[in-house]
PDB file of N, CA and C in Angstrom:
ATOM      1  N   MET A   1      93.044  95.832 110.816  1.00  0.00           N
ATOM      2  CA  MET A   1      94.297  96.084 111.370  1.00  0.00           C
ATOM      3  C   MET A   1      95.379  96.970 110.566  1.00  0.00           C
ATOM      4  N   ASN A   2      94.549  98.024 109.975  1.00  0.00           N
ATOM      5  CA  ASN A   2      95.429  98.842 109.146  1.00  0.00           C
ATOM      6  C   ASN A   2      95.441 100.483 109.270  1.00  0.00           C
ATOM      7  N   LYS A   3      95.449 100.550 110.878  1.00  0.00           N
ATOM      8  CA  LYS A   3      95.231 102.148 110.934  1.00  0.00           C
ATOM      9  C   LYS A   3      96.829 102.505 111.630  1.00  0.00           C
ATOM     10  N   ILE A   4      96.918 103.799 111.518  1.00  0.00           N
ATOM     11  CA  ILE A   4      97.894 104.470 112.198  1.00  0.00           C
ATOM     12  C   ILE A   4      97.210 104.955 113.380  1.00  0.00           C
ATOM     13  N   LEU A   5      97.825 104.360 114.569  1.00  0.00           N
ATOM     14  CA  LEU A   5      97.386 104.986 115.697  1.00  0.00           C
ATOM     15  C   LEU A   5      97.817 106.226 116.309  1.00  0.00           C
ATOM     16  N   GLU A   6      98.859 106.593 116.390  1.00  0.00           N
ATOM     17  CA  GLU A   6      99.517 107.733 116.805  1.00  0.00           C
ATOM     18  C   GLU A   6     100.858 107.753 116.636  1.00  0.00           C
ATOM     19  N   ILE A   7     101.280 109.090 116.687  1.00  0.00           N
ATOM     20  CA  ILE A   7     102.630 109.638 116.451  1.00  0.00           C
ATOM     21  C   ILE A   7     103.064 110.593 117.738  1.00  0.00           C
ATOM     22  N   ASP A   8     104.191 110.145 118.420  1.00  0.00           N
ATOM     23  CA  ASP A   8     104.787 110.724 119.354  1.00  0.00           C
ATOM     24  C   ASP A   8     105.849 111.553 118.917  1.00  0.00           C
ATOM     25  N   GLU A   9     105.628 112.622 118.701  1.00  0.00           N
ATOM     26  CA  GLU A   9     106.816 113.575 118.116  1.00  0.00           C
ATOM     27  C   GLU A   9     108.040 113.848 118.998  1.00  0.00           C
ATOM     28  N   GLU A  10     107.544 113.991 120.390  1.00  0.00           N
ATOM     29  CA  GLU A  10     108.690 114.195 121.244  1.00  0.00           C
ATOM     30  C   GLU A  10     109.433 112.872 121.275  1.00  0.00           C
ATOM     31  N   ASN A  11     109.025 111.843 121.354  1.00  0.00           N
ATOM     32  CA  ASN A  11     109.892 110.442 121.606  1.00  0.00           C
ATOM     33  C   ASN A  11     110.281 110.023 120.056  1.00  0.00           C
ATOM     34  N   LEU A  12     109.670 110.467 119.039  1.00  0.00           N
ATOM     35  CA  LEU A  12     109.923 110.024 117.812  1.00  0.00           C
ATOM     36  C   LEU A  12     109.673 108.735 117.511  1.00  0.00           C
ATOM     37  N   THR A  13     108.340 108.415 118.118  1.00  0.00           N
ATOM     38  CA  THR A  13     107.644 107.163 117.740  1.00  0.00           C
ATOM     39  C   THR A  13     106.301 107.082 116.868  1.00  0.00           C
ATOM     40  N   LEU A  14     106.186 106.118 116.387  1.00  0.00           N
ATOM     41  CA  LEU A  14     104.833 105.920 115.596  1.00  0.00           C
ATOM     42  C   LEU A  14     104.079 104.699 115.945  1.00  0.00           C
ATOM     43  N   THR A  15     102.988 104.558 116.444  1.00  0.00           N
ATOM     44  CA  THR A  15     102.394 103.397 116.741  1.00  0.00           C
ATOM     45  C   THR A  15     101.361 103.072 115.748  1.00  0.00           C
ATOM     46  N   VAL A  16     101.445 101.731 115.088  1.00  0.00           N
ATOM     47  CA  VAL A  16     100.610 101.509 113.831  1.00  0.00           C
ATOM     48  C   VAL A  16      99.919  99.960 114.246  1.00  0.00           C
ATOM     49  N   GLU A  17      99.101  99.665 113.425  1.00  0.00           N
ATOM     50  CA  GLU A  17      98.779  98.306 113.369  1.00  0.00           C
ATOM     51  C   GLU A  17      99.371  97.618 112.119  1.00  0.00           C
ATOM     52  N   PRO A  18      99.719  96.217 112.351  1.00  0.00           N
ATOM     53  CA  PRO A  18     100.537  95.578 111.329  1.00  0.00           C
ATOM     54  C   PRO A  18     100.107  95.345 109.822  1.00  0.00           C
ATOM     55  N   GLY A  19      98.838  95.856 109.413  1.00  0.00           N
ATOM     56  CA  GLY A  19      98.264  96.095 107.956  1.00  0.00           C
ATOM     57  C   GLY A  19      98.701  97.403 107.419  1.00  0.00           C
ATOM     58  N   VAL A  20      99.144  98.085 108.150  1.00  0.00           N
ATOM     59  CA  VAL A  20      99.340  99.524 107.382  1.00  0.00           C
ATOM     60  C   VAL A  20     100.420  99.556 106.210  1.00  0.00           C
ATOM     61  N   LEU A  21      99.921  99.997 105.311  1.00  0.00           N
ATOM     62  CA  LEU A  21     101.140  99.873 104.041  1.00  0.00           C
ATOM     63  C   LEU A  21     102.114 100.814 104.256  1.00  0.00           C
ATOM     64  N   LEU A  22     103.372 100.274 103.643  1.00  0.00           N
ATOM     65  CA  LEU A  22     104.577 101.195 104.029  1.00  0.00           C
ATOM     66  C   LEU A  22     104.588 102.612 103.283  1.00  0.00           C
ATOM     67  N   LYS A  23     103.770 102.478 102.318  1.00  0.00           N
ATOM     68  CA  LYS A  23     103.702 103.900 101.395  1.00  0.00           C
ATOM     69  C   LYS A  23     102.647 104.781 102.232  1.00  0.00           C
ATOM     70  N   ASP A  24     101.691 104.229 103.149  1.00  0.00           N
ATOM     71  CA  ASP A  24     101.070 104.951 104.002  1.00  0.00           C
ATOM     72  C   ASP A  24     101.911 105.716 105.207  1.00  0.00           C
ATOM     73  N   VAL A  25     102.777 104.756 105.784  1.00  0.00           N
ATOM     74  CA  VAL A  25     103.620 105.220 106.847  1.00  0.00           C
ATOM     75  C   VAL A  25     104.614 106.154 106.367  1.00  0.00           C
ATOM     76  N   GLN A  26     105.076 106.064 105.135  1.00  0.00           N
ATOM     77  CA  GLN A  26     106.095 107.179 104.466  1.00  0.00           C
ATOM     78  C   GLN A  26     105.400 108.624 104.377  1.00  0.00           C
ATOM     79  N   SER A  27     104.183 108.341 103.783  1.00  0.00           N
ATOM     80  CA  SER A  27     103.323 109.783 103.502  1.00  0.00           C
ATOM     81  C   SER A  27     103.223 110.195 104.837  1.00  0.00           C
ATOM     82  N   TYR A  28     102.540 109.602 105.876  1.00  0.00           N
ATOM     83  CA  TYR A  28     102.117 110.199 107.022  1.00  0.00           C
ATOM     84  C   TYR A  28     103.341 110.843 107.769  1.00  0.00           C
ATOM     85  N   VAL A  29     104.490 110.082 107.875  1.00  0.00           N
ATOM     86  CA  VAL A  29     105.392 110.687 108.508  1.00  0.00           C
ATOM     87  C   VAL A  29     106.162 111.748 107.765  1.00  0.00           C
ATOM     88  N   GLU A  30     106.156 111.938 106.497  1.00  0.00           N
ATOM     89  CA  GLU A  30     106.485 113.065 105.845  1.00  0.00           C
ATOM     90  C   GLU A  30     105.959 114.276 105.693  1.00  0.00           C
ATOM     91  N   GLU A  31     104.666 114.123 106.071  1.00  0.00           N
ATOM     92  CA  GLU A  31     103.593 115.198 106.229  1.00  0.00           C
ATOM     93  C   GLU A  31     104.017 115.912 107.379  1.00  0.00           C
ATOM     94  N   ARG A  32     104.647 115.138 108.274  1.00  0.00           N
ATOM     95  CA  ARG A  32     104.883 115.906 109.445  1.00  0.00           C
ATOM     96  C   ARG A  32     106.527 116.107 109.756  1.00  0.00           C
ATOM     97  N   ASN A  33     106.914 116.303 108.594  1.00  0.00           N
ATOM     98  CA  ASN A  33     108.545 116.454 108.441  1.00  0.00           C
ATOM     99  C   ASN A  33     109.550 115.449 109.241  1.00  0.00           C
ATOM    100  N   PHE A  34     109.124 114.227 109.297  1.00  0.00           N
ATOM    101  CA  PHE A  34     109.706 113.281 109.745  1.00  0.00           C
ATOM    102  C   PHE A  34     110.015 112.169 108.356  1.00  0.00           C
ATOM    103  N   PHE A  35     110.912 111.115 108.769  1.00  0.00           N
ATOM    104  CA  PHE A  35     111.568 110.416 107.857  1.00  0.00           C
ATOM    105  C   PHE A  35     111.441 108.850 108.332  1.00  0.00           C
ATOM    106  N   TYR A  36     110.997 108.166 107.597  1.00  0.00           N
ATOM    107  CA  TYR A  36     111.159 106.706 107.928  1.00  0.00           C
ATOM    108  C   TYR A  36     112.201 105.992 106.778  1.00  0.00           C
ATOM    109  N   PRO A  37     113.228 105.614 107.410  1.00  0.00           N
ATOM    110  CA  PRO A  37     114.440 105.101 106.612  1.00  0.00           C
ATOM    111  C   PRO A  37     114.201 103.750 105.718  1.00  0.00           C
ATOM    112  N   PRO A  38     113.697 102.664 106.444  1.00  0.00           N
ATOM    113  CA  PRO A  38     113.596 101.625 105.631  1.00  0.00           C
ATOM    114  C   PRO A  38     112.730 101.558 104.394  1.00  0.00           C
ATOM    115  N   ASP A  39     113.316 101.308 103.163  1.00  0.00           N
ATOM    116  CA  ASP A  39     112.658 101.535 101.893  1.00  0.00           C
ATOM    117  C   ASP A  39     112.943 100.455 101.058  1.00  0.00           C
ATOM    118  N   PRO A  40     112.200  99.096 101.314  1.00  0.00           N
ATOM    119  CA  PRO A  40     112.142  98.025 100.369  1.00  0.00           C
ATOM    120  C   PRO A  40     111.612  98.282  99.078  1.00  0.00           C
ATOM    121  N   GLY A  41     111.842  97.686  97.880  1.00  0.00           N
ATOM    122  CA  GLY A  41     111.110  97.777  96.550  1.00  0.00           C
ATOM    123  C   GLY A  41     109.768  97.870  96.621  1.00  0.00           C
ATOM    124  N   GLU A  42     109.006  97.246  97.221  1.00  0.00           N
ATOM    125  CA  GLU A  42     107.604  96.899  97.208  1.00  0.00           C
ATOM    126  C   GLU A  42     106.952  98.037  98.165  1.00  0.00           C
ATOM    127  N   LYS A  43     106.487  98.960  97.721  1.00  0.00           N
ATOM    128  CA  LYS A  43     105.585 100.099  98.383  1.00  0.00           C
ATOM    129  C   LYS A  43     104.348  99.559  98.977  1.00  0.00           C
ATOM    130  N   THR A  44     103.879  98.589  98.561  1.00  0.00           N
ATOM    131  CA  THR A  44     102.467  98.258  98.811  1.00  0.00           C
ATOM    132  C   THR A  44     102.374  97.149  99.938  1.00  0.00           C
ATOM    133  N   ALA A  45     103.710  96.902 100.368  1.00  0.00           N
ATOM    134  CA  ALA A  45     104.053  95.877 101.413  1.00  0.00           C
ATOM    135  C   ALA A  45     103.435  96.425 102.824  1.00  0.00           C
ATOM    136  N   SER A  46     103.003  95.586 103.962  1.00  0.00           N
ATOM    137  CA  SER A  46     102.688  96.129 105.037  1.00  0.00           C
ATOM    138  C   SER A  46     103.814  95.862 105.998  1.00  0.00           C
ATOM    139  N   ILE A  47     103.665  97.023 107.104  1.00  0.00           N
ATOM    140  CA  ILE A  47     104.610  97.344 108.083  1.00  0.00           C
ATOM    141  C   ILE A  47     104.955  95.785 108.748  1.00  0.00           C
ATOM    142  N   GLY A  48     103.622  94.927 109.052  1.00  0.00           N
ATOM    143  CA  GLY A  48     103.840  93.574 109.707  1.00  0.00           C
ATOM    144  C   GLY A  48     104.649  92.729 108.681  1.00  0.00           C
ATOM    145  N   GLY A  49     104.782  92.884 107.537  1.00  0.00           N
ATOM    146  CA  GLY A  49     105.419  92.082 106.660  1.00  0.00           C
ATOM    147  C   GLY A  49     107.013  92.643 106.456  1.00  0.00           C
ATOM    148  N   ASN A  50     106.954  93.652 106.741  1.00  0.00           N
ATOM    149  CA  ASN A  50     108.659  94.271 106.786  1.00  0.00           C
ATOM    150  C   ASN A  50     109.229  93.889 108.081  1.00  0.00           C
ATOM    151  N   VAL A  51     108.436  94.062 109.371  1.00  0.00           N
ATOM    152  CA  VAL A  51     108.941  93.657 110.417  1.00  0.00           C
ATOM    153  C   VAL A  51     109.203  91.932 110.474  1.00  0.00           C
ATOM    154  N   SER A  52     108.144  91.321 109.873  1.00  0.00           N
ATOM    155  CA  SER A  52     108.446  89.798 109.852  1.00  0.00           C
ATOM    156  C   SER A  52     109.810  89.256 108.927  1.00  0.00           C
ATOM    157  N   THR A  53     110.095  90.123 108.079  1.00  0.00           N
ATOM    158  CA  THR A  53     111.334  89.799 107.001  1.00  0.00           C
ATOM    159  C   THR A  53     112.271  90.381 107.170  1.00  0.00           C
ATOM    160  N   ASN A  54     112.365  91.636 108.203  1.00  0.00           N
ATOM    161  CA  ASN A  54     113.556  92.456 108.209  1.00  0.00           C
ATOM    162  C   ASN A  54     114.005  93.172 107.158  1.00  0.00           C
ATOM    163  N   ALA A  55     112.862  93.703 106.349  1.00  0.00           N
ATOM    164  CA  ALA A  55     112.998  94.362 105.208  1.00  0.00           C
ATOM    165  C   ALA A  55     114.045  95.506 105.392  1.00  0.00           C
ATOM    166  N   GLY A  56     114.917  95.995 104.359  1.00  0.00           N
ATOM    167  CA  GLY A  56     115.747  96.941 104.300  1.00  0.00           C
ATOM    168  C   GLY A  56     115.550  97.826 103.245  1.00  0.00           C
ATOM    169  N   GLY A  57     116.080  97.271 102.046  1.00  0.00           N
ATOM    170  CA  GLY A  57     115.936  98.075 100.727  1.00  0.00           C
ATOM    171  C   GLY A  57     117.126  98.711 100.568  1.00  0.00           C
ATOM    172  N   MET A  58     117.079 100.013  99.464  1.00  0.00           N
ATOM    173  CA  MET A  58     118.246 100.442  99.094  1.00  0.00           C
ATOM    174  C   MET A  58     119.016 101.334 100.127  1.00  0.00           C
ATOM    175  N   ARG A  59     118.166 101.888 100.928  1.00  0.00           N
ATOM    176  CA  ARG A  59     118.632 102.697 102.212  1.00  0.00           C
ATOM    177  C   ARG A  59     119.246 101.998 103.378  1.00  0.00           C
ATOM    178  N   ALA A  60     119.189 100.621 103.360  1.00  0.00           N
ATOM    179  CA  ALA A  60     119.756  99.697 104.456  1.00  0.00           C
ATOM    180  C   ALA A  60     121.383  99.925 104.618  1.00  0.00           C
ATOM    181  N   VAL A  61     121.782 100.258 103.591  1.00  0.00           N
ATOM    182  CA  VAL A  61     123.463 100.443 103.891  1.00  0.00           C
ATOM    183  C   VAL A  61     123.795 101.706 104.823  1.00  0.00           C
ATOM    184  N   LYS A  62     122.926 102.763 104.530  1.00  0.00           N
ATOM    185  CA  LYS A  62     123.061 103.903 105.310  1.00  0.00           C
ATOM    186  C   LYS A  62     122.326 103.917 106.510  1.00  0.00           C
ATOM    187  N   TYR A  63     121.163 103.350 106.666  1.00  0.00           N
ATOM    188  CA  TYR A  63     120.280 103.729 107.954  1.00  0.00           C
ATOM    189  C   TYR A  63     119.936 102.447 108.534  1.00  0.00           C
ATOM    190  N   GLY A  64     120.208 101.409 108.019  1.00  0.00           N
ATOM    191  CA  GLY A  64     119.844 100.032 108.605  1.00  0.00           C
ATOM    192  C   GLY A  64     118.659  99.484 108.090  1.00  0.00           C
ATOM    193  N   VAL A  65     118.199  98.289 108.799  1.00  0.00           N
ATOM    194  CA  VAL A  65     116.913  97.659 108.159  1.00  0.00           C
ATOM    195  C   VAL A  65     115.813  97.856 109.373  1.00  0.00           C
ATOM    196  N   THR A  66     114.595  97.411 109.074  1.00  0.00           N
ATOM    197  CA  THR A  66     113.460  97.516 109.884  1.00  0.00           C
ATOM    198  C   THR A  66     113.686  97.190 111.216  1.00  0.00           C
ATOM    199  N   ARG A  67     114.560  96.314 111.553  1.00  0.00           N
ATOM    200  CA  ARG A  67     114.613  95.847 113.102  1.00  0.00           C
ATOM    201  C   ARG A  67     115.329  97.054 113.907  1.00  0.00           C
ATOM    202  N   ASP A  68     116.229  98.036 113.298  1.00  0.00           N
ATOM    203  CA  ASP A  68     116.667  99.118 113.894  1.00  0.00           C
ATOM    204  C   ASP A  68     115.755 100.180 114.335  1.00  0.00           C
ATOM    205  N   TYR A  69     114.507  99.826 113.700  1.00  0.00           N
ATOM    206  CA  TYR A  69     113.415 100.895 114.119  1.00  0.00           C
ATOM    207  C   TYR A  69     112.483 100.575 114.816  1.00  0.00           C
ATOM    208  N   VAL A  70     112.073  99.314 115.219  1.00  0.00           N
ATOM    209  CA  VAL A  70     111.144  98.861 116.109  1.00  0.00           C
ATOM    210  C   VAL A  70     111.476  98.784 117.387  1.00  0.00           C
ATOM    211  N   ARG A  71     110.862  99.365 118.044  1.00  0.00           N
ATOM    212  CA  ARG A  71     111.087  99.684 119.879  1.00  0.00           C
ATOM    213  C   ARG A  71     110.247  98.732 120.445  1.00  0.00           C
ATOM    214  N   GLU A  72     108.919  98.470 120.290  1.00  0.00           N
ATOM    215  CA  GLU A  72     108.209  97.561 120.586  1.00  0.00           C
ATOM    216  C   GLU A  72     107.296  97.107 120.143  1.00  0.00           C
ATOM    217  N   MET A  73     106.844  95.596 120.517  1.00  0.00           N
ATOM    218  CA  MET A  73     105.656  94.916 119.812  1.00  0.00           C
ATOM    219  C   MET A  73     104.863  94.322 120.598  1.00  0.00           C
ATOM    220  N   GLU A  74     103.627  94.420 120.272  1.00  0.00           N
ATOM    221  CA  GLU A  74     102.342  93.491 121.161  1.00  0.00           C
ATOM    222  C   GLU A  74     102.124  92.575 119.894  1.00  0.00           C
ATOM    223  N   VAL A  75     102.545  91.412 120.485  1.00  0.00           N
ATOM    224  CA  VAL A  75     101.725  90.139 119.778  1.00  0.00           C
ATOM    225  C   VAL A  75     100.915  89.349 120.339  1.00  0.00           C
ATOM    226  N   VAL A  76     100.099  89.015 119.661  1.00  0.00           N
ATOM    227  CA  VAL A  76      98.855  88.304 120.189  1.00  0.00           C
ATOM    228  C   VAL A  76      99.176  86.806 119.323  1.00  0.00           C
ATOM    229  N   THR A  77      99.128  85.696 119.965  1.00  0.00           N
ATOM    230  CA  THR A  77      98.909  84.625 119.347  1.00  0.00           C
ATOM    231  C   THR A  77      97.777  83.646 119.736  1.00  0.00           C
ATOM    232  N   GLY A  78      97.610  82.844 118.608  1.00  0.00           N
ATOM    233  CA  GLY A  78      96.199  82.101 118.756  1.00  0.00           C
ATOM    234  C   GLY A  78      96.257  80.854 119.827  1.00  0.00           C
TER     235      GLY A  78
END
């Protein structure tokens, strides 16, 4: 569960699986001239972990925390 599934440049959304690393998300969007604002100190953290802890980092004061950038989640419980 560590794949970037799609980017919708028109609607500015990125669909990812929860195991994708933050550094991979940031690299992926930067290659396409976009910017993912939440920037917690740990770059090897997963997006799923960032969402579950509402991570923010140094940019949180200016851009907000992770919850400000989540539009939709599909959750599967056991």
